[in-house]
Amino acid sequence: MSPRYYLVSGIIVFILTIIISWWKEAKSAKEFLVVFCQVVLLLIFLIGFVIGFSELLLYLGIAQSGFIVKQGELK
């Protein structure tokens, strides 16, 4: 995968962490870290959901096999 994707993902996580921390009025580093972990877990959950949903559509025959990039095709 291109480093650009990692950079964009990191920027999104950072911005969401800052916004949610400001909204929750997080004062300490521990509260900030908790918000950061929540944002990362939410991002992982959403990506997993999209991949799982695409695999379900593929299994049901609704989508074609090129619907999402497979692990072996990332090279």
C-alpha atoms as a PDB file:
ATOM      1  CA  MET A   1       0.000   0.000   0.000  1.00  0.00           C
ATOM      2  CA  SER A   2       1.143   3.497  -0.719  1.00  0.00           C
ATOM      3  CA  PRO A   3       2.518   5.579   2.172  1.00  0.00           C
ATOM      4  CA  ARG A   4      -0.012   8.220   1.171  1.00  0.00           C
ATOM      5  CA  TYR A   5      -2.830   6.067   2.572  1.00  0.00           C
ATOM      6  CA  TYR A   6      -1.054   5.698   5.901  1.00  0.00           C
ATOM      7  CA  LEU A   7      -0.449   9.435   6.051  1.00  0.00           C
ATOM      8  CA  VAL A   8      -4.086  10.273   5.262  1.00  0.00           C
ATOM      9  CA  SER A   9      -5.318   7.722   7.827  1.00  0.00           C
ATOM     10  CA  GLY A  10      -2.993   9.158  10.462  1.00  0.00           C
ATOM     11  CA  ILE A  11      -4.154  12.695   9.751  1.00  0.00           C
ATOM     12  CA  ILE A  12      -7.813  11.633   9.982  1.00  0.00           C
ATOM     13  CA  VAL A  13      -7.200   9.885  13.328  1.00  0.00           C
ATOM     14  CA  PHE A  14      -5.278  12.898  14.640  1.00  0.00           C
ATOM     15  CA  ILE A  15      -7.956  15.411  13.610  1.00  0.00           C
ATOM     16  CA  LEU A  16     -10.790  13.280  14.989  1.00  0.00           C
ATOM     17  CA  THR A  17      -8.885  12.830  18.259  1.00  0.00           C
ATOM     18  CA  ILE A  18      -8.345  16.584  18.602  1.00  0.00           C
ATOM     19  CA  ILE A  19     -11.993  17.395  17.811  1.00  0.00           C
ATOM     20  CA  ILE A  20     -13.455  14.768  20.145  1.00  0.00           C
ATOM     21  CA  SER A  21     -11.014  15.679  22.935  1.00  0.00           C
ATOM     22  CA  TRP A  22     -11.995  19.334  22.596  1.00  0.00           C
ATOM     23  CA  TRP A  23     -15.696  18.415  22.559  1.00  0.00           C
ATOM     24  CA  LYS A  24     -15.369  16.180  25.650  1.00  0.00           C
ATOM     25  CA  GLU A  25     -13.127  18.811  27.282  1.00  0.00           C
ATOM     26  CA  ALA A  26     -10.312  16.346  27.926  1.00  0.00           C
ATOM     27  CA  LYS A  27      -7.717  17.945  30.189  1.00  0.00           C
ATOM     28  CA  SER A  28      -5.112  15.280  30.935  1.00  0.00           C
ATOM     29  CA  ALA A  29      -2.919  13.139  28.736  1.00  0.00           C
ATOM     30  CA  LYS A  30      -4.728  10.024  29.985  1.00  0.00           C
ATOM     31  CA  GLU A  31      -8.090  11.337  28.782  1.00  0.00           C
ATOM     32  CA  PHE A  32      -6.520  12.280  25.451  1.00  0.00           C
ATOM     33  CA  LEU A  33      -5.051   8.777  25.114  1.00  0.00           C
ATOM     34  CA  VAL A  34      -8.436   7.190  25.863  1.00  0.00           C
ATOM     35  CA  VAL A  35     -10.046   9.285  23.111  1.00  0.00           C
ATOM     36  CA  PHE A  36      -7.218   8.342  20.725  1.00  0.00           C
ATOM     37  CA  CYS A  37      -7.740   4.623  21.426  1.00  0.00           C
ATOM     38  CA  GLN A  38     -11.492   4.994  20.909  1.00  0.00           C
ATOM     39  CA  VAL A  39     -10.960   6.704  17.546  1.00  0.00           C
ATOM     40  CA  VAL A  40      -8.503   4.003  16.403  1.00  0.00           C
ATOM     41  CA  LEU A  41     -10.857   1.204  17.498  1.00  0.00           C
ATOM     42  CA  LEU A  42     -13.770   2.887  15.715  1.00  0.00           C
ATOM     43  CA  LEU A  43     -11.713   3.195  12.530  1.00  0.00           C
ATOM     44  CA  ILE A  44     -10.712  -0.488  12.726  1.00  0.00           C
ATOM     45  CA  PHE A  45     -14.347  -1.472  13.338  1.00  0.00           C
ATOM     46  CA  LEU A  46     -15.572   0.549  10.361  1.00  0.00           C
ATOM     47  CA  ILE A  47     -12.937  -0.869   8.018  1.00  0.00           C
ATOM     48  CA  GLY A  48     -13.720  -4.393   9.232  1.00  0.00           C
ATOM     49  CA  PHE A  49     -17.418  -3.795   8.711  1.00  0.00           C
ATOM     50  CA  VAL A  50     -16.916  -2.587   5.144  1.00  0.00           C
ATOM     51  CA  ILE A  51     -14.647  -5.538   4.292  1.00  0.00           C
ATOM     52  CA  GLY A  52     -17.059  -7.998   5.918  1.00  0.00           C
ATOM     53  CA  PHE A  53     -20.030  -6.495   4.125  1.00  0.00           C
ATOM     54  CA  SER A  54     -18.238  -6.662   0.785  1.00  0.00           C
ATOM     55  CA  GLU A  55     -17.359 -10.315   1.409  1.00  0.00           C
ATOM     56  CA  LEU A  56     -21.015 -11.005   2.247  1.00  0.00           C
ATOM     57  CA  LEU A  57     -22.128  -9.370  -1.001  1.00  0.00           C
ATOM     58  CA  LEU A  58     -19.545 -11.420  -2.869  1.00  0.00           C
ATOM     59  CA  TYR A  59     -20.725 -14.637  -1.194  1.00  0.00           C
ATOM     60  CA  LEU A  60     -24.365 -13.892  -1.985  1.00  0.00           C
ATOM     61  CA  GLY A  61     -23.466 -13.225  -5.613  1.00  0.00           C
ATOM     62  CA  ILE A  62     -24.588  -9.608  -5.524  1.00  0.00           C
ATOM     63  CA  ALA A  63     -21.138  -8.102  -6.066  1.00  0.00           C
ATOM     64  CA  GLN A  64     -18.291  -9.121  -8.324  1.00  0.00           C
ATOM     65  CA  SER A  65     -14.913 -10.261  -7.062  1.00  0.00           C
ATOM     66  CA  GLY A  66     -13.299  -6.894  -7.866  1.00  0.00           C
ATOM     67  CA  PHE A  67     -15.516  -5.075  -5.390  1.00  0.00           C
ATOM     68  CA  ILE A  68     -12.666  -4.634  -2.903  1.00  0.00           C
ATOM     69  CA  VAL A  69      -8.916  -5.049  -3.242  1.00  0.00           C
ATOM     70  CA  LYS A  70      -7.788  -8.446  -1.953  1.00  0.00           C
ATOM     71  CA  GLN A  71      -4.742  -8.893   0.267  1.00  0.00           C
ATOM     72  CA  GLY A  72      -2.720 -10.610  -2.476  1.00  0.00           C
ATOM     73  CA  GLU A  73      -3.400  -7.830  -4.979  1.00  0.00           C
ATOM     74  CA  LEU A  74      -1.759  -5.122  -2.870  1.00  0.00           C
ATOM     75  CA  LYS A  75       1.732  -5.962  -4.155  1.00  0.00           C
END
